[in-house]
Amino acid sequence: MRRHVIVAGMGMAALLAACSVPGTPIAGSSGAPSSTTSDTDGASLKVKDPIEPGRFLAEPCAVLTRSQSTGLGWEGEGTPHKAGQKNASCDWDAKNLANYSFGWLDEYNQSIADTYRVFKDNSAYFEPTTINGYPAVFHDGTDNRKYGHCNLVVGIRDNLTFHVNSFGATETDACKTLREMATLAITNIKAG
């Protein structure tokens, strides 16, 4: 059964992964940073090489080519949600019944700094990282990574982020797959 992921805003994106499987909610950050990105240094959250998203804002499924999505073990064509609107997203089903999603967090000009401000002290895990030199963070309100649920937010402009999520990806390292997905998305968006 296809899961339709419609992201209403940054708060919803952070909580989606906790919806289907009980986990361990924690009232505070328990994750250690996974890279040298300093979460206290505002300069580290500035996007040094901003990307213009162009057509991808309205066409979120275009962030991956057909060969890239099938190469990840997913269906070739993603299912768009809210195409052409704010917070447009796309999801792909995998052969193992897992679901992966890409979505924009553009309705309120959200930055990666906003993600830190809102979620740093209110997440079960909060692990800063970078994707192709862009500031990013793995985080969620409930830690269900062992059940294949993971959430990653990436800043591509100081006022624009996207998120990638996985649901039920128990046969793989879901967070590692999201890192690969985000890397491909950045490469494709840059290429236009």
C-alpha atoms as a PDB file:
ATOM      1  CA  MET A   1       0.000   0.000   0.000  1.00  0.00           C
ATOM      2  CA  ARG A   2       1.389   3.354  -1.004  1.00  0.00           C
ATOM      3  CA  ARG A   3       1.815   5.814   1.841  1.00  0.00           C
ATOM      4  CA  HIS A   4       1.024   9.335   0.833  1.00  0.00           C
ATOM      5  CA  VAL A   5       3.215  11.747   2.703  1.00  0.00           C
ATOM      6  CA  ILE A   6       1.932  15.278   2.745  1.00  0.00           C
ATOM      7  CA  VAL A   7       4.086  17.634   4.708  1.00  0.00           C
ATOM      8  CA  ALA A   8       2.286  20.620   6.175  1.00  0.00           C
ATOM      9  CA  GLY A   9       5.274  22.347   7.714  1.00  0.00           C
ATOM     10  CA  MET A  10       8.502  21.932   9.585  1.00  0.00           C
ATOM     11  CA  GLY A  11       6.834  20.585  12.732  1.00  0.00           C
ATOM     12  CA  MET A  12       4.922  17.971  10.779  1.00  0.00           C
ATOM     13  CA  ALA A  13       8.052  16.865   8.922  1.00  0.00           C
ATOM     14  CA  ALA A  14       9.843  16.276  12.186  1.00  0.00           C
ATOM     15  CA  LEU A  15       7.061  14.159  13.633  1.00  0.00           C
ATOM     16  CA  LEU A  16       6.024  12.020  10.659  1.00  0.00           C
ATOM     17  CA  ALA A  17       8.566   9.301  11.287  1.00  0.00           C
ATOM     18  CA  ALA A  18       7.198   8.730  14.786  1.00  0.00           C
ATOM     19  CA  CYS A  19       3.638   8.011  13.695  1.00  0.00           C
ATOM     20  CA  SER A  20       3.560   4.300  12.960  1.00  0.00           C
ATOM     21  CA  VAL A  21       5.913   2.514  15.368  1.00  0.00           C
ATOM     22  CA  PRO A  22       6.369   3.126  19.090  1.00  0.00           C
ATOM     23  CA  GLY A  23       9.768   4.499  19.953  1.00  0.00           C
ATOM     24  CA  THR A  24      11.548   6.230  22.742  1.00  0.00           C
ATOM     25  CA  PRO A  25      10.588   9.901  22.996  1.00  0.00           C
ATOM     26  CA  ILE A  26      13.110  11.985  24.869  1.00  0.00           C
ATOM     27  CA  ALA A  27      12.577  15.533  26.112  1.00  0.00           C
ATOM     28  CA  GLY A  28      15.915  16.852  24.988  1.00  0.00           C
ATOM     29  CA  SER A  29      18.698  16.224  22.543  1.00  0.00           C
ATOM     30  CA  SER A  30      20.422  12.892  22.985  1.00  0.00           C
ATOM     31  CA  GLY A  31      22.306  12.662  19.702  1.00  0.00           C
ATOM     32  CA  ALA A  32      25.931  13.616  19.416  1.00  0.00           C
ATOM     33  CA  PRO A  33      27.053  15.655  16.419  1.00  0.00           C
ATOM     34  CA  SER A  34      28.201  13.377  13.609  1.00  0.00           C
ATOM     35  CA  SER A  35      30.496  15.883  11.928  1.00  0.00           C
ATOM     36  CA  THR A  36      32.523  18.980  12.634  1.00  0.00           C
ATOM     37  CA  THR A  37      29.514  21.270  12.143  1.00  0.00           C
ATOM     38  CA  SER A  38      29.231  23.383  15.286  1.00  0.00           C
ATOM     39  CA  ASP A  39      25.669  23.792  16.456  1.00  0.00           C
ATOM     40  CA  THR A  40      26.588  26.825  18.526  1.00  0.00           C
ATOM     41  CA  ASP A  41      28.372  28.762  15.792  1.00  0.00           C
ATOM     42  CA  GLY A  42      25.819  30.597  13.638  1.00  0.00           C
ATOM     43  CA  ALA A  43      28.415  30.943  10.874  1.00  0.00           C
ATOM     44  CA  SER A  44      28.428  27.162  10.401  1.00  0.00           C
ATOM     45  CA  LEU A  45      24.712  27.306   9.578  1.00  0.00           C
ATOM     46  CA  LYS A  46      25.150  29.871   6.812  1.00  0.00           C
ATOM     47  CA  VAL A  47      24.858  28.447   3.325  1.00  0.00           C
ATOM     48  CA  LYS A  48      28.099  29.376   1.576  1.00  0.00           C
ATOM     49  CA  ASP A  49      27.049  28.338  -1.949  1.00  0.00           C
ATOM     50  CA  PRO A  50      23.265  28.924  -2.173  1.00  0.00           C
ATOM     51  CA  ILE A  51      21.333  26.906  -4.732  1.00  0.00           C
ATOM     52  CA  GLU A  52      18.435  28.305  -6.744  1.00  0.00           C
ATOM     53  CA  PRO A  53      15.817  25.510  -6.690  1.00  0.00           C
ATOM     54  CA  GLY A  54      14.093  26.649  -9.893  1.00  0.00           C
ATOM     55  CA  ARG A  55      11.619  24.128 -11.317  1.00  0.00           C
ATOM     56  CA  PHE A  56      12.252  21.665  -8.488  1.00  0.00           C
ATOM     57  CA  LEU A  57      10.104  23.719  -6.076  1.00  0.00           C
ATOM     58  CA  ALA A  58       7.055  22.855  -8.172  1.00  0.00           C
ATOM     59  CA  GLU A  59       8.356  19.437  -9.323  1.00  0.00           C
ATOM     60  CA  PRO A  60       9.793  17.688  -6.249  1.00  0.00           C
ATOM     61  CA  CYS A  61       9.801  14.267  -7.946  1.00  0.00           C
ATOM     62  CA  ALA A  62      12.349  15.603 -10.444  1.00  0.00           C
ATOM     63  CA  VAL A  63      15.069  15.761  -7.751  1.00  0.00           C
ATOM     64  CA  LEU A  64      15.882  12.143  -8.626  1.00  0.00           C
ATOM     65  CA  THR A  65      16.159  10.714 -12.114  1.00  0.00           C
ATOM     66  CA  ARG A  66      14.423   7.446 -12.922  1.00  0.00           C
ATOM     67  CA  SER A  67      17.744   5.592 -13.005  1.00  0.00           C
ATOM     68  CA  GLN A  68      18.751   7.074  -9.633  1.00  0.00           C
ATOM     69  CA  SER A  69      15.521   6.016  -7.913  1.00  0.00           C
ATOM     70  CA  THR A  70      15.620   2.505  -9.399  1.00  0.00           C
ATOM     71  CA  GLY A  71      19.321   2.341  -8.511  1.00  0.00           C
ATOM     72  CA  LEU A  72      18.310   2.896  -4.892  1.00  0.00           C
ATOM     73  CA  GLY A  73      15.858  -0.020  -5.201  1.00  0.00           C
ATOM     74  CA  TRP A  74      12.757   2.141  -5.491  1.00  0.00           C
ATOM     75  CA  GLU A  75      10.007   2.566  -8.051  1.00  0.00           C
ATOM     76  CA  GLY A  76      11.142   4.636 -11.027  1.00  0.00           C
ATOM     77  CA  GLU A  77       8.559   7.376 -10.730  1.00  0.00           C
ATOM     78  CA  GLY A  78       7.744   9.063  -7.450  1.00  0.00           C
ATOM     79  CA  THR A  79       4.270  10.222  -6.425  1.00  0.00           C
ATOM     80  CA  PRO A  80       3.997  14.025  -6.169  1.00  0.00           C
ATOM     81  CA  HIS A  81       2.000  15.781  -3.450  1.00  0.00           C
ATOM     82  CA  LYS A  82       0.985  19.446  -3.605  1.00  0.00           C
ATOM     83  CA  ALA A  83       2.935  19.871  -6.860  1.00  0.00           C
ATOM     84  CA  GLY A  84       3.335  23.546  -7.708  1.00  0.00           C
ATOM     85  CA  GLN A  85       2.398  24.637  -4.172  1.00  0.00           C
ATOM     86  CA  LYS A  86       4.312  25.503  -1.017  1.00  0.00           C
ATOM     87  CA  ASN A  87       5.843  22.527   0.803  1.00  0.00           C
ATOM     88  CA  ALA A  88       5.527  20.287  -2.273  1.00  0.00           C
ATOM     89  CA  SER A  89       6.796  16.757  -1.737  1.00  0.00           C
ATOM     90  CA  CYS A  90       7.289  13.434  -3.474  1.00  0.00           C
ATOM     91  CA  ASP A  91       7.510   9.875  -2.223  1.00  0.00           C
ATOM     92  CA  TRP A  92       8.858   6.630  -3.623  1.00  0.00           C
ATOM     93  CA  ASP A  93       8.012   3.076  -2.565  1.00  0.00           C
ATOM     94  CA  ALA A  94      10.844   0.559  -2.305  1.00  0.00           C
ATOM     95  CA  LYS A  95      10.764  -3.123  -3.188  1.00  0.00           C
ATOM     96  CA  ASN A  96      10.959  -3.990   0.523  1.00  0.00           C
ATOM     97  CA  LEU A  97       7.752  -1.960   1.172  1.00  0.00           C
ATOM     98  CA  ALA A  98       9.708   0.926   2.689  1.00  0.00           C
ATOM     99  CA  ASN A  99       8.801   4.465   1.697  1.00  0.00           C
ATOM    100  CA  TYR A 100      11.127   7.421   1.052  1.00  0.00           C
ATOM    101  CA  SER A 101      10.085  11.044   0.759  1.00  0.00           C
ATOM    102  CA  PHE A 102      11.595  14.352  -0.401  1.00  0.00           C
ATOM    103  CA  GLY A 103       9.856  17.620   0.505  1.00  0.00           C
ATOM    104  CA  TRP A 104      10.430  21.355   0.603  1.00  0.00           C
ATOM    105  CA  LEU A 105      10.071  23.365   3.805  1.00  0.00           C
ATOM    106  CA  ASP A 106       9.474  26.657   2.018  1.00  0.00           C
ATOM    107  CA  GLU A 107       6.112  27.876   3.280  1.00  0.00           C
ATOM    108  CA  TYR A 108       7.624  30.152   5.923  1.00  0.00           C
ATOM    109  CA  ASN A 109      11.098  30.658   4.383  1.00  0.00           C
ATOM    110  CA  GLN A 110      12.510  28.152   6.848  1.00  0.00           C
ATOM    111  CA  SER A 111      16.256  28.004   7.330  1.00  0.00           C
ATOM    112  CA  ILE A 112      18.486  25.344   8.837  1.00  0.00           C
ATOM    113  CA  ALA A 113      18.976  27.797  11.727  1.00  0.00           C
ATOM    114  CA  ASP A 114      15.184  27.650  12.299  1.00  0.00           C
ATOM    115  CA  THR A 115      15.433  23.855  12.489  1.00  0.00           C
ATOM    116  CA  TYR A 116      18.136  24.184  15.153  1.00  0.00           C
ATOM    117  CA  ARG A 117      16.149  26.756  17.113  1.00  0.00           C
ATOM    118  CA  VAL A 118      12.925  24.724  17.120  1.00  0.00           C
ATOM    119  CA  PHE A 119      14.212  21.160  17.424  1.00  0.00           C
ATOM    120  CA  LYS A 120      17.702  21.123  18.966  1.00  0.00           C
ATOM    121  CA  ASP A 121      16.441  20.733  22.541  1.00  0.00           C
ATOM    122  CA  ASN A 122      13.186  18.969  21.652  1.00  0.00           C
ATOM    123  CA  SER A 123      14.308  15.908  19.717  1.00  0.00           C
ATOM    124  CA  ALA A 124      15.032  12.317  20.623  1.00  0.00           C
ATOM    125  CA  TYR A 125      18.087  12.607  18.396  1.00  0.00           C
ATOM    126  CA  PHE A 126      19.673  15.707  16.886  1.00  0.00           C
ATOM    127  CA  GLU A 127      22.841  15.014  14.872  1.00  0.00           C
ATOM    128  CA  PRO A 128      24.352  17.882  12.852  1.00  0.00           C
ATOM    129  CA  THR A 129      26.167  16.977   9.653  1.00  0.00           C
ATOM    130  CA  THR A 130      26.844  18.343   6.168  1.00  0.00           C
ATOM    131  CA  ILE A 131      25.700  17.081   2.778  1.00  0.00           C
ATOM    132  CA  ASN A 132      27.996  18.139  -0.080  1.00  0.00           C
ATOM    133  CA  GLY A 133      29.092  21.095   2.055  1.00  0.00           C
ATOM    134  CA  TYR A 134      25.514  22.158   2.945  1.00  0.00           C
ATOM    135  CA  PRO A 135      24.463  22.362   6.610  1.00  0.00           C
ATOM    136  CA  ALA A 136      22.129  19.551   7.615  1.00  0.00           C
ATOM    137  CA  VAL A 137      20.809  17.700  10.645  1.00  0.00           C
ATOM    138  CA  PHE A 138      19.324  14.290  11.359  1.00  0.00           C
ATOM    139  CA  HIS A 139      16.564  14.745  13.934  1.00  0.00           C
ATOM    140  CA  ASP A 140      13.186  13.514  15.093  1.00  0.00           C
ATOM    141  CA  GLY A 141      10.909  13.700  18.104  1.00  0.00           C
ATOM    142  CA  THR A 142      11.039   9.922  18.554  1.00  0.00           C
ATOM    143  CA  ASP A 143      14.008   7.703  17.802  1.00  0.00           C
ATOM    144  CA  ASN A 144      12.637   4.975  15.536  1.00  0.00           C
ATOM    145  CA  ARG A 145      15.785   4.535  13.459  1.00  0.00           C
ATOM    146  CA  LYS A 146      15.969   0.840  14.386  1.00  0.00           C
ATOM    147  CA  TYR A 147      12.571   0.483  12.683  1.00  0.00           C
ATOM    148  CA  GLY A 148      13.870   2.119   9.499  1.00  0.00           C
ATOM    149  CA  HIS A 149      12.493   5.607  10.179  1.00  0.00           C
ATOM    150  CA  CYS A 150      14.873   8.521   9.729  1.00  0.00           C
ATOM    151  CA  ASN A 151      14.571  12.255   9.042  1.00  0.00           C
ATOM    152  CA  LEU A 152      17.173  14.613   7.543  1.00  0.00           C
ATOM    153  CA  VAL A 153      16.827  18.377   6.942  1.00  0.00           C
ATOM    154  CA  VAL A 154      19.268  20.154   4.587  1.00  0.00           C
ATOM    155  CA  GLY A 155      19.715  23.904   4.057  1.00  0.00           C
ATOM    156  CA  ILE A 156      20.404  24.918   0.446  1.00  0.00           C
ATOM    157  CA  ARG A 157      19.812  28.649   0.980  1.00  0.00           C
ATOM    158  CA  ASP A 158      19.702  30.714   4.160  1.00  0.00           C
ATOM    159  CA  ASN A 159      15.915  30.808   3.744  1.00  0.00           C
ATOM    160  CA  LEU A 160      15.184  27.394   2.193  1.00  0.00           C
ATOM    161  CA  THR A 161      15.504  23.810   3.365  1.00  0.00           C
ATOM    162  CA  PHE A 162      14.366  20.416   2.201  1.00  0.00           C
ATOM    163  CA  HIS A 163      13.808  17.242   4.151  1.00  0.00           C
ATOM    164  CA  VAL A 164      14.155  13.582   3.248  1.00  0.00           C
ATOM    165  CA  ASN A 165      12.419  10.888   5.283  1.00  0.00           C
ATOM    166  CA  SER A 166      12.306   7.116   5.375  1.00  0.00           C
ATOM    167  CA  PHE A 167       9.584   4.856   6.743  1.00  0.00           C
ATOM    168  CA  GLY A 168       9.981   1.143   7.411  1.00  0.00           C
ATOM    169  CA  ALA A 169      13.396   0.774   5.758  1.00  0.00           C
ATOM    170  CA  THR A 170      14.482  -2.024   8.104  1.00  0.00           C
ATOM    171  CA  GLU A 171      16.574  -3.941   5.554  1.00  0.00           C
ATOM    172  CA  THR A 172      19.017  -1.064   5.056  1.00  0.00           C
ATOM    173  CA  ASP A 173      20.636   1.750   7.026  1.00  0.00           C
ATOM    174  CA  ALA A 174      17.829   4.255   6.454  1.00  0.00           C
ATOM    175  CA  CYS A 175      19.842   7.316   7.486  1.00  0.00           C
ATOM    176  CA  LYS A 176      22.716   6.334   5.193  1.00  0.00           C
ATOM    177  CA  THR A 177      20.252   5.973   2.303  1.00  0.00           C
ATOM    178  CA  LEU A 178      18.826   9.433   3.089  1.00  0.00           C
ATOM    179  CA  ARG A 179      22.344  10.884   2.964  1.00  0.00           C
ATOM    180  CA  GLU A 180      22.774   9.365  -0.515  1.00  0.00           C
ATOM    181  CA  MET A 181      19.333  10.618  -1.592  1.00  0.00           C
ATOM    182  CA  ALA A 182      20.075  14.162  -0.379  1.00  0.00           C
ATOM    183  CA  THR A 183      23.459  14.137  -2.148  1.00  0.00           C
ATOM    184  CA  LEU A 184      21.814  13.128  -5.443  1.00  0.00           C
ATOM    185  CA  ALA A 185      19.101  15.760  -4.977  1.00  0.00           C
ATOM    186  CA  ILE A 186      21.648  18.547  -4.418  1.00  0.00           C
ATOM    187  CA  THR A 187      23.631  17.478  -7.486  1.00  0.00           C
ATOM    188  CA  ASN A 188      20.497  17.416  -9.661  1.00  0.00           C
ATOM    189  CA  ILE A 189      19.125  20.726  -8.352  1.00  0.00           C
ATOM    190  CA  LYS A 190      22.480  22.401  -9.016  1.00  0.00           C
ATOM    191  CA  ALA A 191      22.443  21.028 -12.571  1.00  0.00           C
ATOM    192  CA  GLY A 192      18.960  22.467 -13.078  1.00  0.00           C
END
